[in-house]
C-alpha cells in the first residue's frame, strides 16, 4: 500500500476533495497515543472532514442516523494511505505531541474496515 503525506498548503483543498470522494463510506477511528493504541467501538458512515487552523473536524453518521463529530487538535501533519485499487484506505492526523489519529475506511477491495 502506498502512503502520501499532504503538504500543509494543500490541506483545505485535499480535505474537501477527500470528503467528496469518500462520503458514505463506513469508517472508524484508531488512536496511537504514546505507547498505547485505542480503537473505537462505534463505526459510522463518513460525511466530511475539514480543518480550521490546526483543528481537524470529522463528521460521520451512526447506523441509527445520529451525527458523530470528532475533533483532532494541534494537527501538524496529514497523510493518506491507499488500498490496492488506489482508493483511500486511511487518513492519518499527527499532532504536535507525536500522537496519531487514524480514520480507517471500509476497503473497496475486500469490504473490511
N, C-alpha and C. Protein backbone atom coordinates (compact mmCIF):
# COMPACT_ATOMS: atom_id res chain seq x y z
N UNK A 1 0.83 -1.18 0.00
CA UNK A 1 0.00 0.00 0.00
C UNK A 1 0.87 1.24 0.00
N UNK A 2 0.47 2.22 -0.77
CA UNK A 2 1.20 3.48 -0.89
C UNK A 2 0.69 4.49 0.12
N UNK A 3 1.61 5.27 0.67
CA UNK A 3 1.25 6.31 1.63
C UNK A 3 1.75 7.65 1.09
N UNK A 4 0.93 8.69 1.24
CA UNK A 4 1.30 10.02 0.74
C UNK A 4 1.08 11.05 1.83
N UNK A 5 2.10 11.87 2.08
CA UNK A 5 1.99 12.98 3.02
C UNK A 5 1.44 14.18 2.26
N UNK A 6 0.46 14.86 2.86
CA UNK A 6 -0.17 16.01 2.23
C UNK A 6 0.53 17.27 2.73
N UNK A 7 0.94 18.13 1.83
CA UNK A 7 1.60 19.39 2.20
C UNK A 7 0.58 20.30 2.89
N UNK A 8 1.02 21.00 3.93
CA UNK A 8 0.09 21.84 4.71
C UNK A 8 -0.61 22.90 3.87
N UNK A 9 0.04 23.42 2.85
CA UNK A 9 -0.59 24.41 1.97
C UNK A 9 -1.77 23.82 1.20
N UNK A 10 -1.82 22.49 1.08
CA UNK A 10 -2.87 21.81 0.30
C UNK A 10 -3.95 21.19 1.18
N UNK A 11 -3.86 21.31 2.51
CA UNK A 11 -4.78 20.62 3.40
C UNK A 11 -6.24 20.93 3.11
N UNK A 12 -6.61 22.20 3.02
CA UNK A 12 -8.02 22.55 2.82
C UNK A 12 -8.58 21.95 1.54
N UNK A 13 -7.87 22.13 0.45
CA UNK A 13 -8.32 21.60 -0.84
C UNK A 13 -8.37 20.08 -0.81
N UNK A 14 -7.32 19.46 -0.28
CA UNK A 14 -7.28 17.99 -0.22
C UNK A 14 -8.45 17.45 0.60
N UNK A 15 -8.69 18.03 1.79
CA UNK A 15 -9.75 17.52 2.66
C UNK A 15 -11.14 17.71 2.04
N UNK A 16 -11.34 18.79 1.33
CA UNK A 16 -12.62 18.99 0.63
C UNK A 16 -12.81 17.93 -0.45
N UNK A 17 -11.79 17.71 -1.25
CA UNK A 17 -11.86 16.69 -2.31
C UNK A 17 -11.98 15.29 -1.71
N UNK A 18 -11.24 15.04 -0.62
CA UNK A 18 -11.31 13.76 0.08
C UNK A 18 -12.73 13.50 0.56
N UNK A 19 -13.37 14.52 1.13
CA UNK A 19 -14.75 14.39 1.60
C UNK A 19 -15.68 14.02 0.46
N UNK A 20 -15.54 14.69 -0.66
CA UNK A 20 -16.39 14.41 -1.82
C UNK A 20 -16.22 12.98 -2.32
N UNK A 21 -14.98 12.48 -2.31
CA UNK A 21 -14.72 11.12 -2.81
C UNK A 21 -15.19 10.03 -1.86
N UNK A 22 -15.24 10.32 -0.57
CA UNK A 22 -15.45 9.26 0.42
C UNK A 22 -16.75 9.34 1.21
N UNK A 23 -17.61 10.29 0.90
CA UNK A 23 -18.89 10.42 1.61
C UNK A 23 -19.67 9.11 1.53
N UNK A 24 -20.16 8.67 2.69
CA UNK A 24 -20.98 7.46 2.76
C UNK A 24 -20.21 6.18 3.07
N UNK A 25 -18.88 6.21 3.00
CA UNK A 25 -18.11 5.00 3.30
C UNK A 25 -18.07 4.75 4.80
N UNK A 26 -18.13 3.49 5.21
CA UNK A 26 -18.00 3.13 6.62
C UNK A 26 -16.60 3.46 7.08
N UNK A 27 -16.51 4.03 8.31
CA UNK A 27 -15.21 4.43 8.83
C UNK A 27 -15.20 4.36 10.36
N UNK A 28 -14.01 4.10 10.92
CA UNK A 28 -13.84 4.07 12.37
C UNK A 28 -12.46 4.62 12.71
N UNK A 29 -12.31 5.11 13.95
CA UNK A 29 -11.07 5.72 14.40
C UNK A 29 -10.20 4.74 15.16
N UNK A 30 -8.90 5.00 15.10
CA UNK A 30 -7.91 4.33 15.90
C UNK A 30 -6.91 5.41 16.33
N UNK A 31 -6.55 5.44 17.60
CA UNK A 31 -5.63 6.45 18.11
C UNK A 31 -4.37 5.80 18.64
N UNK A 32 -3.23 6.35 18.25
CA UNK A 32 -1.93 5.90 18.72
C UNK A 32 -1.37 7.01 19.60
N UNK A 33 -1.47 6.81 20.91
CA UNK A 33 -1.06 7.84 21.87
C UNK A 33 0.04 7.26 22.74
N UNK A 34 1.21 7.88 22.65
CA UNK A 34 2.35 7.35 23.39
C UNK A 34 2.64 5.93 22.92
N UNK A 35 2.66 4.99 23.86
CA UNK A 35 2.91 3.59 23.52
C UNK A 35 1.61 2.80 23.36
N UNK A 36 0.46 3.45 23.57
CA UNK A 36 -0.82 2.74 23.54
C UNK A 36 -1.59 2.94 22.24
N UNK A 37 -2.53 2.02 22.02
CA UNK A 37 -3.41 2.09 20.87
C UNK A 37 -4.84 1.94 21.37
N UNK A 38 -5.72 2.82 20.91
CA UNK A 38 -7.13 2.73 21.28
C UNK A 38 -7.95 2.67 20.01
N UNK A 39 -8.81 1.66 19.92
CA UNK A 39 -9.65 1.51 18.74
C UNK A 39 -11.09 1.82 19.12
N UNK A 40 -11.74 2.58 18.27
CA UNK A 40 -13.12 2.98 18.51
C UNK A 40 -14.07 1.80 18.35
N UNK A 41 -15.07 1.73 19.22
CA UNK A 41 -16.09 0.69 19.13
C UNK A 41 -17.13 1.01 18.07
N UNK A 42 -17.47 2.28 17.96
CA UNK A 42 -18.58 2.68 17.08
C UNK A 42 -18.06 3.04 15.69
N UNK A 43 -18.65 2.43 14.70
CA UNK A 43 -18.33 2.72 13.32
C UNK A 43 -19.42 3.62 12.77
N UNK A 44 -19.09 4.47 11.82
CA UNK A 44 -20.10 5.35 11.24
C UNK A 44 -19.85 5.53 9.76
N UNK A 45 -20.82 6.12 9.08
CA UNK A 45 -20.68 6.45 7.67
C UNK A 45 -20.05 7.83 7.56
N UNK A 46 -18.96 7.93 6.85
CA UNK A 46 -18.22 9.17 6.71
C UNK A 46 -19.08 10.22 6.01
N UNK A 47 -19.05 11.45 6.55
CA UNK A 47 -19.78 12.56 5.94
C UNK A 47 -18.81 13.62 5.42
N UNK A 48 -17.88 14.08 6.26
CA UNK A 48 -16.97 15.14 5.83
C UNK A 48 -15.82 15.29 6.81
N UNK A 49 -14.73 15.90 6.32
CA UNK A 49 -13.59 16.27 7.16
C UNK A 49 -13.15 17.66 6.73
N UNK A 50 -12.78 18.48 7.71
CA UNK A 50 -12.31 19.83 7.42
C UNK A 50 -11.26 20.23 8.45
N UNK A 51 -10.56 21.32 8.16
CA UNK A 51 -9.57 21.83 9.09
C UNK A 51 -9.74 23.34 9.22
N UNK A 52 -9.62 23.82 10.45
CA UNK A 52 -9.65 25.25 10.75
C UNK A 52 -8.46 25.52 11.64
N UNK A 53 -7.50 26.29 11.13
CA UNK A 53 -6.21 26.49 11.79
C UNK A 53 -5.56 25.12 11.96
N UNK A 54 -5.43 24.61 13.17
CA UNK A 54 -4.79 23.30 13.37
C UNK A 54 -5.75 22.29 13.99
N UNK A 55 -7.07 22.53 13.82
CA UNK A 55 -8.08 21.63 14.37
C UNK A 55 -8.83 20.95 13.23
N UNK A 56 -8.75 19.62 13.20
CA UNK A 56 -9.48 18.83 12.20
C UNK A 56 -10.80 18.40 12.81
N UNK A 57 -11.87 18.51 12.03
CA UNK A 57 -13.20 18.05 12.44
C UNK A 57 -13.66 16.99 11.46
N UNK A 58 -14.05 15.83 12.00
CA UNK A 58 -14.55 14.73 11.17
C UNK A 58 -16.00 14.49 11.56
N UNK A 59 -16.89 14.47 10.56
CA UNK A 59 -18.31 14.21 10.78
C UNK A 59 -18.68 12.88 10.15
N UNK A 60 -19.41 12.07 10.94
CA UNK A 60 -19.92 10.78 10.47
C UNK A 60 -21.34 10.62 10.96
N UNK A 61 -22.03 9.65 10.42
CA UNK A 61 -23.38 9.30 10.87
C UNK A 61 -23.35 7.88 11.40
N UNK A 62 -23.97 7.67 12.59
CA UNK A 62 -24.06 6.32 13.14
C UNK A 62 -25.08 5.52 12.34
N UNK A 63 -25.14 4.22 12.60
CA UNK A 63 -26.11 3.36 11.91
C UNK A 63 -27.55 3.81 12.18
N UNK A 64 -27.76 4.48 13.31
CA UNK A 64 -29.10 4.97 13.66
C UNK A 64 -29.34 6.40 13.20
N UNK A 65 -28.38 6.97 12.43
CA UNK A 65 -28.56 8.31 11.90
C UNK A 65 -28.13 9.43 12.82
N UNK A 66 -27.51 9.10 13.94
CA UNK A 66 -27.01 10.11 14.88
C UNK A 66 -25.70 10.67 14.36
N UNK A 67 -25.57 12.02 14.41
CA UNK A 67 -24.34 12.64 13.95
C UNK A 67 -23.23 12.42 14.97
N UNK A 68 -22.07 12.00 14.47
CA UNK A 68 -20.88 11.79 15.29
C UNK A 68 -19.84 12.81 14.82
N UNK A 69 -19.39 13.66 15.73
CA UNK A 69 -18.38 14.66 15.40
C UNK A 69 -17.15 14.42 16.27
N UNK A 70 -16.00 14.32 15.62
CA UNK A 70 -14.74 14.13 16.33
C UNK A 70 -13.79 15.25 15.95
N UNK A 71 -13.02 15.71 16.94
CA UNK A 71 -12.01 16.75 16.72
C UNK A 71 -10.63 16.18 16.99
N UNK A 72 -9.69 16.61 16.19
CA UNK A 72 -8.29 16.30 16.44
C UNK A 72 -7.58 17.66 16.53
N UNK A 73 -7.08 17.97 17.72
CA UNK A 73 -6.45 19.27 17.97
C UNK A 73 -4.95 19.24 17.67
N UNK A 74 -4.42 20.42 17.41
CA UNK A 74 -2.97 20.62 17.23
C UNK A 74 -2.38 19.76 16.11
N UNK A 75 -3.10 19.65 15.00
CA UNK A 75 -2.64 18.85 13.87
C UNK A 75 -1.47 19.55 13.19
N UNK A 76 -0.41 18.79 12.95
CA UNK A 76 0.73 19.35 12.22
C UNK A 76 1.14 18.46 11.06
N UNK A 77 0.40 17.38 10.82
CA UNK A 77 0.68 16.50 9.69
C UNK A 77 -0.54 15.71 9.28
N UNK A 78 -0.73 15.57 7.97
CA UNK A 78 -1.83 14.76 7.42
C UNK A 78 -1.24 13.86 6.34
N UNK A 79 -1.61 12.58 6.40
CA UNK A 79 -1.16 11.62 5.39
C UNK A 79 -2.33 10.72 5.02
N UNK A 80 -2.27 10.16 3.84
CA UNK A 80 -3.30 9.24 3.38
C UNK A 80 -2.61 7.97 2.89
N UNK A 81 -3.24 6.83 3.18
CA UNK A 81 -2.72 5.55 2.70
C UNK A 81 -3.74 5.00 1.72
N UNK A 82 -3.24 4.45 0.62
CA UNK A 82 -4.10 3.95 -0.44
C UNK A 82 -4.18 2.43 -0.42
N UNK A 83 -5.35 1.90 -0.80
CA UNK A 83 -5.58 0.47 -0.89
C UNK A 83 -5.03 -0.04 -2.23
N UNK A 84 -5.13 -1.32 -2.46
CA UNK A 84 -4.60 -1.93 -3.69
C UNK A 84 -5.22 -1.37 -4.96
N UNK A 85 -6.47 -0.88 -4.87
CA UNK A 85 -7.14 -0.32 -6.04
C UNK A 85 -6.98 1.20 -6.13
N UNK A 86 -6.07 1.76 -5.34
CA UNK A 86 -5.78 3.20 -5.26
C UNK A 86 -6.88 4.02 -4.61
N UNK A 87 -7.86 3.36 -3.97
CA UNK A 87 -8.84 4.11 -3.17
C UNK A 87 -8.18 4.45 -1.83
N UNK A 88 -8.69 5.48 -1.17
CA UNK A 88 -8.13 5.89 0.11
C UNK A 88 -8.57 4.91 1.19
N UNK A 89 -7.59 4.32 1.87
CA UNK A 89 -7.85 3.31 2.89
C UNK A 89 -7.84 3.91 4.29
N UNK A 90 -6.92 4.83 4.54
CA UNK A 90 -6.85 5.53 5.83
C UNK A 90 -6.44 6.98 5.59
N UNK A 91 -6.82 7.82 6.55
CA UNK A 91 -6.28 9.17 6.62
C UNK A 91 -5.75 9.34 8.03
N UNK A 92 -4.53 9.87 8.13
CA UNK A 92 -3.84 9.97 9.40
C UNK A 92 -3.63 11.44 9.76
N UNK A 93 -3.86 11.75 11.02
CA UNK A 93 -3.65 13.10 11.54
C UNK A 93 -2.63 13.02 12.66
N UNK A 94 -1.49 13.69 12.51
CA UNK A 94 -0.45 13.71 13.52
C UNK A 94 -0.53 15.03 14.28
N UNK A 95 -0.42 14.96 15.61
CA UNK A 95 -0.47 16.19 16.39
C UNK A 95 0.93 16.58 16.87
N UNK A 96 1.00 17.73 17.52
CA UNK A 96 2.29 18.27 17.95
C UNK A 96 2.95 17.43 19.04
N UNK A 97 2.21 16.52 19.68
CA UNK A 97 2.78 15.63 20.70
C UNK A 97 3.37 14.36 20.09
N UNK A 98 3.20 14.19 18.78
CA UNK A 98 3.67 12.97 18.13
C UNK A 98 2.64 11.86 18.12
N UNK A 99 1.43 12.16 18.63
CA UNK A 99 0.35 11.17 18.62
C UNK A 99 -0.31 11.16 17.25
N UNK A 100 -0.91 10.03 16.88
CA UNK A 100 -1.54 9.91 15.58
C UNK A 100 -2.95 9.37 15.74
N UNK A 101 -3.89 10.00 15.05
CA UNK A 101 -5.26 9.53 14.98
C UNK A 101 -5.51 9.09 13.54
N UNK A 102 -6.00 7.86 13.38
CA UNK A 102 -6.19 7.28 12.05
C UNK A 102 -7.66 6.98 11.84
N UNK A 103 -8.19 7.41 10.71
CA UNK A 103 -9.55 7.08 10.31
C UNK A 103 -9.45 6.00 9.24
N UNK A 104 -9.94 4.79 9.59
CA UNK A 104 -9.91 3.64 8.68
C UNK A 104 -11.22 3.58 7.91
N UNK A 105 -11.13 3.35 6.62
CA UNK A 105 -12.31 3.22 5.78
C UNK A 105 -12.52 1.77 5.37
N UNK A 106 -13.77 1.42 5.16
CA UNK A 106 -14.07 0.10 4.63
C UNK A 106 -13.37 -0.05 3.29
N UNK A 107 -12.68 -1.14 3.13
CA UNK A 107 -11.95 -1.39 1.89
C UNK A 107 -12.93 -1.60 0.74
N UNK A 108 -12.62 -0.95 -0.37
CA UNK A 108 -13.42 -1.16 -1.58
C UNK A 108 -12.95 -2.42 -2.31
N UNK A 109 -11.84 -2.99 -1.85
CA UNK A 109 -11.30 -4.21 -2.45
C UNK A 109 -11.91 -5.44 -1.78
N UNK A 110 -11.86 -5.49 -0.41
CA UNK A 110 -12.32 -6.70 0.27
C UNK A 110 -13.44 -6.47 1.27
N UNK A 111 -13.89 -5.22 1.45
CA UNK A 111 -15.02 -4.95 2.32
C UNK A 111 -14.69 -4.80 3.78
N UNK A 112 -13.44 -5.03 4.20
CA UNK A 112 -13.07 -4.88 5.61
C UNK A 112 -12.71 -3.44 5.91
N UNK A 113 -12.95 -3.02 7.19
CA UNK A 113 -12.51 -1.68 7.60
C UNK A 113 -11.59 -1.80 8.79
